């Protein structure tokens, strides 16, 4: 039953209660790039992505632990990762949530989950590492700020500083749905 604002005279029914009560369900996001070139794939990554809808608000958990067969796309810094939403958004507003880019217990960064279309979000790095060092200390070029791709925030060609099995992206979001 689609969301309908409460009106005088409406009755409480099982369908109406389901429409206003969020029910969590699994979802597998699409993973592509802003150019559509160098497309990555999850491979054997562990996905624990879930969402729930209450009225016209979508709440979500994005939890990806990359595996040994995950393909990170090998794109350059202009080929930003893009993840599909569980439902289309009402508009491409700014931030919908925050996530952690996790390499290890000491090498992690916070990123803003930002809608770049009404059907997808990208990850924008906005912080240094918890140890207070900028991402350049982890091998990233240009301070490692900006949208995340196959070469950021970990890599500038330094051995051991690229995305790999065991790294994770974990976050939560909420946004207004298109319907």
N, C-alpha and C. Protein backbone atom coordinates (compact mmCIF):
# COMPACT_ATOMS: atom_id res chain seq x y z
N UNK A 1 0.85 -1.17 0.00
CA UNK A 1 0.00 0.00 0.00
C UNK A 1 0.89 1.23 0.00
N UNK A 2 0.76 2.14 -0.98
CA UNK A 2 1.58 3.35 -1.01
C UNK A 2 1.20 4.28 0.14
N UNK A 3 2.13 5.15 0.47
CA UNK A 3 1.90 6.10 1.55
C UNK A 3 0.77 7.06 1.20
N UNK A 4 -0.11 7.28 2.15
CA UNK A 4 -1.19 8.25 2.01
C UNK A 4 -1.27 9.01 3.32
N UNK A 5 -1.16 10.35 3.29
CA UNK A 5 -1.26 11.12 4.53
C UNK A 5 -2.58 10.82 5.24
N UNK A 6 -2.55 10.91 6.56
CA UNK A 6 -3.75 10.63 7.35
C UNK A 6 -4.82 11.67 7.04
N UNK A 7 -6.02 11.19 6.83
CA UNK A 7 -7.17 12.05 6.53
C UNK A 7 -8.26 11.77 7.55
N UNK A 8 -9.06 12.76 7.90
CA UNK A 8 -10.19 12.49 8.80
C UNK A 8 -11.08 11.40 8.23
N UNK A 9 -11.49 10.49 9.07
CA UNK A 9 -12.37 9.40 8.65
C UNK A 9 -11.65 8.13 8.23
N UNK A 10 -10.33 8.19 8.06
CA UNK A 10 -9.61 6.98 7.70
C UNK A 10 -9.60 6.00 8.86
N UNK A 11 -9.63 4.74 8.53
CA UNK A 11 -9.64 3.70 9.56
C UNK A 11 -8.25 3.08 9.69
N UNK A 12 -7.97 2.62 10.88
CA UNK A 12 -6.73 1.88 11.09
C UNK A 12 -6.96 0.46 10.62
N UNK A 13 -6.17 0.07 9.62
CA UNK A 13 -6.25 -1.29 9.07
C UNK A 13 -4.85 -1.89 9.08
N UNK A 14 -4.78 -3.19 8.85
CA UNK A 14 -3.48 -3.85 8.79
C UNK A 14 -2.64 -3.25 7.66
N UNK A 15 -3.26 -2.97 6.53
CA UNK A 15 -2.54 -2.37 5.40
C UNK A 15 -2.00 -1.00 5.74
N UNK A 16 -2.79 -0.18 6.43
CA UNK A 16 -2.34 1.16 6.81
C UNK A 16 -1.19 1.06 7.81
N UNK A 17 -1.27 0.13 8.74
CA UNK A 17 -0.19 -0.04 9.72
C UNK A 17 1.10 -0.48 9.02
N UNK A 18 0.99 -1.36 8.02
CA UNK A 18 2.17 -1.77 7.28
C UNK A 18 2.76 -0.59 6.51
N UNK A 19 1.91 0.28 5.99
CA UNK A 19 2.36 1.43 5.21
C UNK A 19 3.13 2.43 6.06
N UNK A 20 2.81 2.51 7.34
CA UNK A 20 3.49 3.49 8.19
C UNK A 20 4.53 2.85 9.10
N UNK A 21 4.63 1.54 9.09
CA UNK A 21 5.60 0.83 9.92
C UNK A 21 6.73 0.30 9.05
N UNK A 22 7.96 0.75 9.29
CA UNK A 22 9.05 0.28 8.46
C UNK A 22 9.31 -1.22 8.65
N UNK A 23 9.56 -1.90 7.56
CA UNK A 23 9.94 -3.31 7.58
C UNK A 23 11.27 -3.41 6.85
N UNK A 24 12.30 -3.86 7.55
CA UNK A 24 13.63 -3.95 6.97
C UNK A 24 13.71 -5.10 5.98
N UNK A 25 14.42 -4.83 4.87
CA UNK A 25 14.63 -5.86 3.86
C UNK A 25 16.02 -5.71 3.25
N UNK A 26 16.52 -6.83 2.75
CA UNK A 26 17.84 -6.83 2.12
C UNK A 26 17.78 -6.15 0.76
N UNK A 27 18.94 -5.64 0.34
CA UNK A 27 19.05 -5.05 -0.98
C UNK A 27 20.50 -5.17 -1.42
N UNK A 28 20.70 -5.45 -2.70
CA UNK A 28 22.03 -5.53 -3.29
C UNK A 28 22.19 -4.31 -4.19
N UNK A 29 23.03 -3.37 -3.76
CA UNK A 29 23.20 -2.15 -4.57
C UNK A 29 23.96 -2.45 -5.87
N UNK A 30 23.66 -1.70 -6.90
CA UNK A 30 24.48 -1.77 -8.10
C UNK A 30 25.77 -1.01 -7.79
N UNK A 31 26.86 -1.40 -8.42
CA UNK A 31 28.15 -0.73 -8.22
C UNK A 31 28.72 -0.43 -9.58
N UNK A 32 28.83 0.82 -9.90
CA UNK A 32 29.35 1.24 -11.19
C UNK A 32 30.28 2.44 -10.97
N UNK A 33 30.54 3.19 -12.02
CA UNK A 33 31.36 4.39 -11.90
C UNK A 33 30.63 5.56 -12.54
N UNK A 34 31.09 6.76 -12.24
CA UNK A 34 30.44 7.96 -12.78
C UNK A 34 30.56 8.05 -14.29
N UNK A 35 31.58 7.42 -14.88
CA UNK A 35 31.73 7.43 -16.33
C UNK A 35 31.15 6.19 -16.99
N UNK A 36 30.91 5.14 -16.18
CA UNK A 36 30.45 3.87 -16.74
C UNK A 36 31.58 3.04 -17.31
N UNK A 37 32.81 3.51 -17.17
CA UNK A 37 34.00 2.81 -17.64
C UNK A 37 34.69 2.20 -16.41
N UNK A 38 35.48 1.17 -16.60
CA UNK A 38 36.21 0.54 -15.49
C UNK A 38 35.26 0.10 -14.38
N UNK A 39 34.19 -0.57 -14.74
CA UNK A 39 33.15 -0.94 -13.79
C UNK A 39 33.66 -1.99 -12.79
N UNK A 40 33.51 -1.72 -11.49
CA UNK A 40 33.92 -2.68 -10.46
C UNK A 40 32.86 -3.76 -10.26
N UNK A 41 33.19 -4.78 -9.47
CA UNK A 41 32.21 -5.81 -9.12
C UNK A 41 32.49 -6.30 -7.71
N UNK A 42 31.44 -6.68 -7.01
CA UNK A 42 31.56 -7.14 -5.63
C UNK A 42 32.27 -8.48 -5.51
N UNK A 43 32.16 -9.34 -6.51
CA UNK A 43 32.76 -10.66 -6.41
C UNK A 43 32.21 -11.38 -5.18
N UNK A 44 33.11 -11.90 -4.34
CA UNK A 44 32.66 -12.61 -3.14
C UNK A 44 32.62 -11.72 -1.89
N UNK A 45 32.41 -10.43 -2.09
CA UNK A 45 32.26 -9.50 -0.96
C UNK A 45 31.07 -9.92 -0.11
N UNK A 46 31.14 -9.61 1.17
CA UNK A 46 30.00 -9.83 2.07
C UNK A 46 29.17 -8.56 2.09
N UNK A 47 27.92 -8.68 1.64
CA UNK A 47 27.01 -7.53 1.61
C UNK A 47 25.97 -7.69 2.70
N UNK A 48 25.86 -6.68 3.54
CA UNK A 48 24.82 -6.64 4.57
C UNK A 48 24.09 -5.31 4.43
N UNK A 49 23.55 -5.08 3.24
CA UNK A 49 22.85 -3.83 2.93
C UNK A 49 21.35 -4.05 3.14
N UNK A 50 20.75 -3.15 3.91
CA UNK A 50 19.33 -3.28 4.24
C UNK A 50 18.68 -1.90 4.19
N UNK A 51 17.37 -1.90 3.98
CA UNK A 51 16.64 -0.64 4.00
C UNK A 51 15.22 -0.87 4.51
N UNK A 52 14.61 0.22 4.96
CA UNK A 52 13.22 0.22 5.41
C UNK A 52 12.60 1.54 4.97
N UNK A 53 11.32 1.51 4.70
CA UNK A 53 10.60 2.70 4.27
C UNK A 53 9.49 3.00 5.25
N UNK A 54 9.40 4.25 5.67
CA UNK A 54 8.30 4.72 6.49
C UNK A 54 7.75 5.97 5.81
N UNK A 55 6.51 5.87 5.37
CA UNK A 55 5.89 6.94 4.58
C UNK A 55 6.77 7.18 3.35
N UNK A 56 7.36 8.36 3.20
CA UNK A 56 8.21 8.62 2.03
C UNK A 56 9.68 8.78 2.43
N UNK A 57 10.06 8.21 3.56
CA UNK A 57 11.46 8.25 4.00
C UNK A 57 12.05 6.86 3.92
N UNK A 58 13.19 6.77 3.25
CA UNK A 58 13.94 5.51 3.17
C UNK A 58 15.11 5.60 4.13
N UNK A 59 15.23 4.60 5.00
CA UNK A 59 16.35 4.47 5.94
C UNK A 59 17.18 3.30 5.46
N UNK A 60 18.50 3.42 5.53
CA UNK A 60 19.31 2.33 5.04
C UNK A 60 20.60 2.11 5.78
N UNK A 61 21.09 0.88 5.65
CA UNK A 61 22.39 0.47 6.15
C UNK A 61 23.17 -0.04 4.95
N UNK A 62 24.36 0.48 4.77
CA UNK A 62 25.23 0.08 3.67
C UNK A 62 26.47 -0.54 4.31
N UNK A 63 26.65 -1.85 4.13
CA UNK A 63 27.75 -2.56 4.79
C UNK A 63 28.36 -3.54 3.80
N UNK A 64 29.55 -3.22 3.33
CA UNK A 64 30.24 -4.05 2.34
C UNK A 64 31.63 -4.39 2.87
N UNK A 65 31.91 -5.68 2.97
CA UNK A 65 33.24 -6.17 3.33
C UNK A 65 33.80 -6.85 2.08
N UNK A 66 34.81 -6.25 1.47
CA UNK A 66 35.33 -6.73 0.21
C UNK A 66 36.03 -8.08 0.37
N UNK A 67 35.89 -8.92 -0.65
CA UNK A 67 36.45 -10.26 -0.63
C UNK A 67 37.62 -10.41 -1.58
N UNK A 68 38.11 -11.63 -1.67
CA UNK A 68 39.29 -11.93 -2.48
C UNK A 68 39.02 -11.80 -3.98
N UNK A 69 37.75 -11.90 -4.40
CA UNK A 69 37.44 -11.76 -5.83
C UNK A 69 36.77 -10.43 -6.15
N UNK A 70 36.74 -9.50 -5.20
CA UNK A 70 36.19 -8.16 -5.48
C UNK A 70 37.11 -7.48 -6.50
N UNK A 71 36.48 -6.84 -7.49
CA UNK A 71 37.21 -6.12 -8.52
C UNK A 71 36.92 -4.64 -8.32
N UNK A 72 37.93 -3.83 -8.07
CA UNK A 72 37.74 -2.42 -7.72
C UNK A 72 37.69 -1.50 -8.93
N UNK A 73 37.75 -2.05 -10.11
CA UNK A 73 37.54 -1.27 -11.32
C UNK A 73 38.78 -0.69 -11.95
N UNK A 74 39.83 -0.47 -11.20
CA UNK A 74 41.09 0.05 -11.73
C UNK A 74 40.96 1.35 -12.49
N UNK A 75 39.89 2.11 -12.21
CA UNK A 75 39.73 3.40 -12.87
C UNK A 75 40.62 4.46 -12.25
N UNK A 76 40.76 5.55 -12.93
CA UNK A 76 41.55 6.66 -12.41
C UNK A 76 40.74 7.55 -11.48
N UNK A 77 41.35 8.63 -11.06
CA UNK A 77 40.71 9.50 -10.08
C UNK A 77 39.49 10.23 -10.63
N UNK A 78 39.28 10.22 -11.94
CA UNK A 78 38.10 10.84 -12.52
C UNK A 78 36.97 9.86 -12.77
N UNK A 79 37.12 8.63 -12.30
CA UNK A 79 36.14 7.58 -12.53
C UNK A 79 35.57 7.14 -11.18
N UNK A 80 34.75 7.99 -10.59
CA UNK A 80 34.28 7.81 -9.22
C UNK A 80 33.28 6.68 -9.08
N UNK A 81 33.40 5.96 -7.94
CA UNK A 81 32.46 4.87 -7.67
C UNK A 81 31.07 5.44 -7.44
N UNK A 82 30.08 4.68 -7.89
CA UNK A 82 28.67 5.07 -7.73
C UNK A 82 27.89 3.83 -7.31
N UNK A 83 27.07 3.97 -6.25
CA UNK A 83 26.28 2.87 -5.71
C UNK A 83 24.80 3.18 -5.86
N UNK A 84 24.03 2.19 -6.35
CA UNK A 84 22.60 2.37 -6.55
C UNK A 84 21.82 2.40 -5.24
N UNK A 85 20.79 3.22 -5.20
CA UNK A 85 19.89 3.31 -4.05
C UNK A 85 18.87 2.18 -4.09
N UNK A 86 18.29 1.83 -2.94
CA UNK A 86 17.24 0.80 -2.97
C UNK A 86 15.96 1.30 -3.65
N UNK A 87 15.67 2.60 -3.56
CA UNK A 87 14.51 3.22 -4.19
C UNK A 87 14.92 4.58 -4.72
N UNK A 88 14.32 5.06 -5.81
CA UNK A 88 14.66 6.39 -6.32
C UNK A 88 14.37 7.48 -5.28
N UNK A 89 15.22 8.50 -5.27
CA UNK A 89 15.04 9.64 -4.37
C UNK A 89 14.16 10.70 -5.03
N UNK A 90 13.54 11.53 -4.20
CA UNK A 90 12.69 12.61 -4.70
C UNK A 90 13.51 13.63 -5.49
N UNK A 91 14.74 13.86 -5.06
CA UNK A 91 15.63 14.78 -5.76
C UNK A 91 17.08 14.43 -5.41
N UNK A 92 18.00 14.95 -6.19
CA UNK A 92 19.42 14.71 -5.94
C UNK A 92 19.94 15.76 -4.96
N UNK A 93 19.53 15.62 -3.72
CA UNK A 93 19.98 16.54 -2.67
C UNK A 93 21.41 16.22 -2.29
N UNK A 94 21.96 16.95 -1.35
CA UNK A 94 23.34 16.71 -0.91
C UNK A 94 23.52 15.43 -0.13
N UNK A 95 23.93 15.56 1.10
CA UNK A 95 24.27 14.41 1.93
C UNK A 95 23.03 13.64 2.36
N UNK A 96 23.13 12.31 2.29
CA UNK A 96 22.06 11.45 2.81
C UNK A 96 22.54 10.64 3.99
N UNK A 97 23.85 10.65 4.26
CA UNK A 97 24.37 9.89 5.38
C UNK A 97 25.89 9.92 5.41
N UNK A 98 26.44 9.08 6.31
CA UNK A 98 27.88 9.01 6.51
C UNK A 98 28.32 7.56 6.52
N UNK A 99 29.54 7.32 6.10
CA UNK A 99 30.07 5.97 6.15
C UNK A 99 31.54 5.99 6.53
N UNK A 100 32.00 4.83 6.94
CA UNK A 100 33.40 4.65 7.29
C UNK A 100 34.06 3.85 6.18
N UNK A 101 35.20 4.34 5.70
CA UNK A 101 36.04 3.60 4.76
C UNK A 101 37.09 2.94 5.63
N UNK A 102 37.05 1.63 5.75
CA UNK A 102 37.85 0.93 6.73
C UNK A 102 38.90 0.05 6.09
N UNK A 103 40.16 0.37 6.37
CA UNK A 103 41.29 -0.44 5.92
C UNK A 103 41.78 -1.30 7.08
N UNK A 104 41.81 -0.72 8.27
CA UNK A 104 42.23 -1.43 9.48
C UNK A 104 41.72 -0.62 10.67
N UNK A 105 42.04 -1.07 11.86
CA UNK A 105 41.56 -0.34 13.04
C UNK A 105 42.18 1.04 13.17
N UNK A 106 43.31 1.27 12.53
CA UNK A 106 43.93 2.60 12.60
C UNK A 106 43.89 3.34 11.28
N UNK A 107 43.55 2.67 10.22
CA UNK A 107 43.47 3.31 8.90
C UNK A 107 42.03 3.30 8.41
N UNK A 108 41.32 4.34 8.77
CA UNK A 108 39.93 4.47 8.32
C UNK A 108 39.62 5.95 8.18
N UNK A 109 38.63 6.24 7.37
CA UNK A 109 38.23 7.61 7.09
C UNK A 109 36.71 7.69 7.06
N UNK A 110 36.20 8.86 7.31
CA UNK A 110 34.76 9.11 7.19
C UNK A 110 34.48 9.72 5.83
N UNK A 111 33.40 9.31 5.23
CA UNK A 111 33.00 9.86 3.94
C UNK A 111 31.51 10.22 3.99
N UNK A 112 31.17 11.24 3.27
CA UNK A 112 29.78 11.66 3.15
C UNK A 112 29.15 10.88 2.01
N UNK A 113 27.96 10.32 2.25
CA UNK A 113 27.20 9.64 1.20
C UNK A 113 26.38 10.73 0.52
N UNK A 114 26.71 11.03 -0.71
CA UNK A 114 26.11 12.18 -1.40
C UNK A 114 25.37 11.72 -2.66
N UNK A 115 24.10 12.12 -2.77
CA UNK A 115 23.35 11.81 -3.98
C UNK A 115 23.92 12.61 -5.13
N UNK A 116 24.27 11.92 -6.20
CA UNK A 116 24.72 12.60 -7.41
C UNK A 116 23.69 12.44 -8.52
N UNK A 117 22.75 11.52 -8.32
CA UNK A 117 21.57 11.38 -9.18
C UNK A 117 20.43 10.97 -8.25
N UNK A 118 19.24 10.82 -8.77
CA UNK A 118 18.12 10.38 -7.93
C UNK A 118 18.11 8.87 -7.73
N UNK A 119 19.05 8.16 -8.35
CA UNK A 119 19.10 6.71 -8.21
C UNK A 119 20.41 6.18 -7.64
N UNK A 120 21.37 7.07 -7.35
CA UNK A 120 22.67 6.61 -6.88
C UNK A 120 23.35 7.63 -5.98
N UNK A 121 24.26 7.11 -5.15
CA UNK A 121 25.09 7.99 -4.32
C UNK A 121 26.56 7.69 -4.58
N UNK A 122 27.38 8.69 -4.29
CA UNK A 122 28.83 8.55 -4.35
C UNK A 122 29.37 8.87 -2.97
N UNK A 123 30.61 8.51 -2.71
CA UNK A 123 31.23 8.71 -1.41
C UNK A 123 32.25 9.82 -1.50
N UNK A 124 32.11 10.82 -0.65
CA UNK A 124 32.99 11.97 -0.68
C UNK A 124 33.80 12.03 0.61
N UNK A 125 35.11 11.88 0.48
CA UNK A 125 36.01 11.90 1.63
C UNK A 125 36.12 13.32 2.17
N UNK A 126 35.89 13.46 3.47
CA UNK A 126 35.90 14.78 4.09
C UNK A 126 36.82 14.89 5.29
N UNK A 127 37.52 13.82 5.66
CA UNK A 127 38.30 13.85 6.89
C UNK A 127 39.66 13.22 6.69
N UNK A 128 40.51 13.44 7.66
CA UNK A 128 41.76 12.71 7.75
C UNK A 128 41.52 11.42 8.51
N UNK A 129 42.56 10.73 8.82
CA UNK A 129 42.47 9.47 9.56
C UNK A 129 42.28 9.75 11.05
N UNK A 130 41.77 8.76 11.83
CA UNK A 130 41.59 8.96 13.26
C UNK A 130 42.88 9.25 14.01
N UNK A 131 44.03 8.87 13.40
CA UNK A 131 45.30 9.16 14.06
C UNK A 131 45.72 10.62 13.86
N UNK A 132 44.85 11.41 13.22
CA UNK A 132 45.12 12.83 13.02
C UNK A 132 45.91 13.14 11.78
N UNK A 133 46.39 12.12 11.08
CA UNK A 133 47.16 12.35 9.87
C UNK A 133 46.23 12.52 8.68
N UNK A 134 46.63 13.35 7.76
CA UNK A 134 45.87 13.50 6.53
C UNK A 134 46.04 12.23 5.71
N UNK A 135 45.19 12.04 4.73
CA UNK A 135 45.26 10.83 3.92
C UNK A 135 46.56 10.72 3.14
N UNK A 136 47.28 11.83 2.97
CA UNK A 136 48.56 11.75 2.27
C UNK A 136 49.53 10.84 3.02
N UNK A 137 49.35 10.71 4.35
CA UNK A 137 50.21 9.83 5.13
C UNK A 137 49.93 8.37 4.83
N UNK A 138 48.81 8.10 4.16
CA UNK A 138 48.45 6.74 3.80
C UNK A 138 48.70 6.47 2.32
N UNK A 139 49.44 7.37 1.69
CA UNK A 139 49.81 7.15 0.30
C UNK A 139 48.94 7.85 -0.72
N UNK A 140 47.90 8.57 -0.28
CA UNK A 140 47.01 9.23 -1.23
C UNK A 140 47.64 10.52 -1.75
N UNK A 141 47.32 10.85 -2.96
CA UNK A 141 47.83 12.10 -3.53
C UNK A 141 46.81 13.20 -3.33
N UNK A 142 47.26 14.43 -3.35
CA UNK A 142 46.35 15.58 -3.26
C UNK A 142 45.55 15.62 -1.98
N UNK A 143 46.05 15.06 -0.91
CA UNK A 143 45.33 15.09 0.35
C UNK A 143 44.23 14.06 0.43
N UNK A 144 43.96 13.36 -0.68
CA UNK A 144 42.97 12.30 -0.65
C UNK A 144 41.54 12.77 -0.49
N UNK A 145 41.28 14.05 -0.64
CA UNK A 145 39.91 14.56 -0.49
C UNK A 145 39.17 14.38 -1.81
N UNK A 146 37.85 14.33 -1.74
CA UNK A 146 37.05 14.23 -2.94
C UNK A 146 36.30 12.91 -3.03
N UNK A 147 35.77 12.63 -4.20
CA UNK A 147 34.96 11.44 -4.41
C UNK A 147 35.83 10.19 -4.48
N UNK A 148 35.31 9.10 -3.91
CA UNK A 148 36.06 7.85 -3.79
C UNK A 148 35.99 7.06 -5.10
N UNK A 149 37.11 6.45 -5.43
CA UNK A 149 37.22 5.64 -6.63
C UNK A 149 38.22 4.51 -6.37
N UNK A 150 38.62 3.83 -7.40
CA UNK A 150 39.53 2.69 -7.25
C UNK A 150 40.91 3.09 -6.74
N UNK A 151 41.27 4.37 -6.81
CA UNK A 151 42.60 4.81 -6.38
C UNK A 151 42.57 5.75 -5.17
N UNK A 152 41.43 5.92 -4.53
CA UNK A 152 41.41 6.78 -3.35
C UNK A 152 40.51 6.16 -2.28
N UNK A 153 40.76 6.39 -1.01
CA UNK A 153 41.77 7.29 -0.48
C UNK A 153 43.11 6.61 -0.23
N UNK A 154 43.25 5.34 -0.56
CA UNK A 154 44.43 4.60 -0.13
C UNK A 154 45.61 4.69 -1.07
N UNK A 155 45.39 4.94 -2.34
CA UNK A 155 46.45 4.65 -3.31
C UNK A 155 47.03 5.86 -4.01
N UNK A 156 48.32 5.80 -4.22
CA UNK A 156 49.00 6.68 -5.16
C UNK A 156 50.11 5.88 -5.84
N UNK A 157 49.89 4.58 -5.94
CA UNK A 157 50.88 3.71 -6.54
C UNK A 157 51.86 3.15 -5.51
N UNK A 158 51.66 3.47 -4.25
CA UNK A 158 52.53 2.96 -3.19
C UNK A 158 52.11 1.53 -2.87
N UNK A 159 53.03 0.61 -2.81
CA UNK A 159 52.71 -0.79 -2.53
C UNK A 159 51.93 -0.92 -1.23
N UNK A 160 50.86 -1.72 -1.27
CA UNK A 160 50.07 -1.96 -0.07
C UNK A 160 49.07 -0.87 0.26
N UNK A 161 48.86 0.09 -0.66
CA UNK A 161 47.93 1.16 -0.36
C UNK A 161 46.75 1.21 -1.32
N UNK A 162 46.38 0.10 -1.91
CA UNK A 162 45.21 0.06 -2.78
C UNK A 162 44.08 -0.68 -2.07
N UNK A 163 42.86 -0.51 -2.56
CA UNK A 163 41.72 -1.25 -2.02
C UNK A 163 42.02 -2.74 -2.14
N UNK A 164 41.61 -3.52 -1.14
CA UNK A 164 41.94 -4.94 -1.14
C UNK A 164 40.91 -5.73 -0.33
N UNK A 165 41.01 -7.03 -0.41
CA UNK A 165 40.17 -7.92 0.38
C UNK A 165 40.33 -7.58 1.86
N UNK A 166 39.22 -7.57 2.58
CA UNK A 166 39.24 -7.25 4.00
C UNK A 166 38.93 -5.80 4.30
N UNK A 167 39.02 -4.91 3.30
CA UNK A 167 38.65 -3.51 3.49
C UNK A 167 37.12 -3.44 3.48
N UNK A 168 36.56 -2.40 4.06
CA UNK A 168 35.10 -2.32 4.16
C UNK A 168 34.61 -0.89 4.00
N UNK A 169 33.35 -0.79 3.62
CA UNK A 169 32.62 0.48 3.62
C UNK A 169 31.36 0.21 4.42
N UNK A 170 31.15 0.98 5.50
CA UNK A 170 30.00 0.77 6.38
C UNK A 170 29.37 2.12 6.73
N UNK A 171 28.07 2.24 6.51
CA UNK A 171 27.42 3.50 6.83
C UNK A 171 25.91 3.38 6.90
N UNK A 172 25.30 4.50 7.24
CA UNK A 172 23.84 4.60 7.30
C UNK A 172 23.39 5.84 6.54
N UNK A 173 22.15 5.80 6.07
CA UNK A 173 21.62 6.93 5.31
C UNK A 173 20.12 7.04 5.49
N UNK A 174 19.59 8.19 5.07
CA UNK A 174 18.14 8.38 4.97
C UNK A 174 17.88 9.47 3.94
N UNK A 175 16.78 9.32 3.22
CA UNK A 175 16.42 10.31 2.21
C UNK A 175 14.93 10.20 1.90
N UNK A 176 14.41 11.23 1.24
CA UNK A 176 13.01 11.22 0.81
C UNK A 176 12.90 10.47 -0.51
N UNK A 177 11.97 9.52 -0.57
CA UNK A 177 11.79 8.74 -1.80
C UNK A 177 10.96 9.50 -2.81
N UNK A 178 11.03 9.07 -4.06
CA UNK A 178 10.29 9.72 -5.13
C UNK A 178 8.79 9.51 -4.99
N UNK A 179 8.38 8.40 -4.38
CA UNK A 179 6.93 8.17 -4.21
C UNK A 179 6.66 7.45 -2.92
